[in-house]
Amino acid sequence: MKATYCLVILLLVMSSLLSACGQKGALYMPEQPQQQQEEEEKK
């Protein structure tokens, strides 16, 4: 009985971790426009 609960909890944790692998988003910092870069260099 106790082993069944542990197995269910383990499966829930593993499925939630694996579902996070498919998350998408910005994986890099977007480049700043040229005008902003020039202003920062002047400072």
Protein backbone atom coordinates (compact mmCIF):
# COMPACT_ATOMS: atom_id res chain seq x y z
CA MET A 1 0.00 0.00 0.00
CA LYS A 2 2.77 2.42 1.00
CA ALA A 3 4.76 1.46 -2.10
CA THR A 4 1.76 2.27 -4.28
CA TYR A 5 1.52 5.80 -2.87
CA CYS A 6 5.24 6.34 -3.36
CA LEU A 7 4.97 5.14 -6.95
CA VAL A 8 2.01 7.43 -7.68
CA ILE A 9 3.82 10.43 -6.18
CA LEU A 10 6.97 9.57 -8.13
CA LEU A 11 5.02 9.34 -11.38
CA LEU A 12 3.33 12.70 -10.73
CA VAL A 13 6.64 14.39 -9.99
CA MET A 14 8.33 12.89 -13.04
CA SER A 15 5.46 13.83 -15.35
CA SER A 16 5.49 17.42 -14.12
CA LEU A 17 9.25 17.65 -14.63
CA LEU A 18 9.04 16.18 -18.11
CA SER A 19 6.23 18.51 -19.10
CA ALA A 20 8.47 21.48 -18.27
CA CYS A 21 10.89 20.38 -21.01
CA GLY A 22 8.51 21.62 -23.69
CA GLN A 23 8.23 25.19 -22.40
CA LYS A 24 9.17 27.76 -25.01
CA GLY A 25 10.32 31.29 -24.60
CA ALA A 26 13.06 33.73 -25.37
CA LEU A 27 16.30 31.83 -24.94
CA TYR A 28 18.53 34.83 -25.65
CA MET A 29 18.66 38.49 -24.82
CA PRO A 30 17.30 40.50 -27.75
CA GLU A 31 19.76 42.93 -29.27
CA GLN A 32 19.27 46.59 -28.47
CA PRO A 33 18.43 48.93 -31.34
CA GLN A 34 21.43 50.78 -32.80
CA GLN A 35 20.34 54.15 -31.38
CA GLN A 36 20.28 52.87 -27.79
CA GLN A 37 23.72 51.31 -28.19
CA GLU A 38 25.21 54.59 -29.38
CA GLU A 39 23.68 56.48 -26.44
CA GLU A 40 25.14 54.01 -23.96
CA GLU A 41 28.60 54.27 -25.51
CA LYS A 42 28.57 58.06 -25.12
CA LYS A 43 28.02 57.79 -21.34
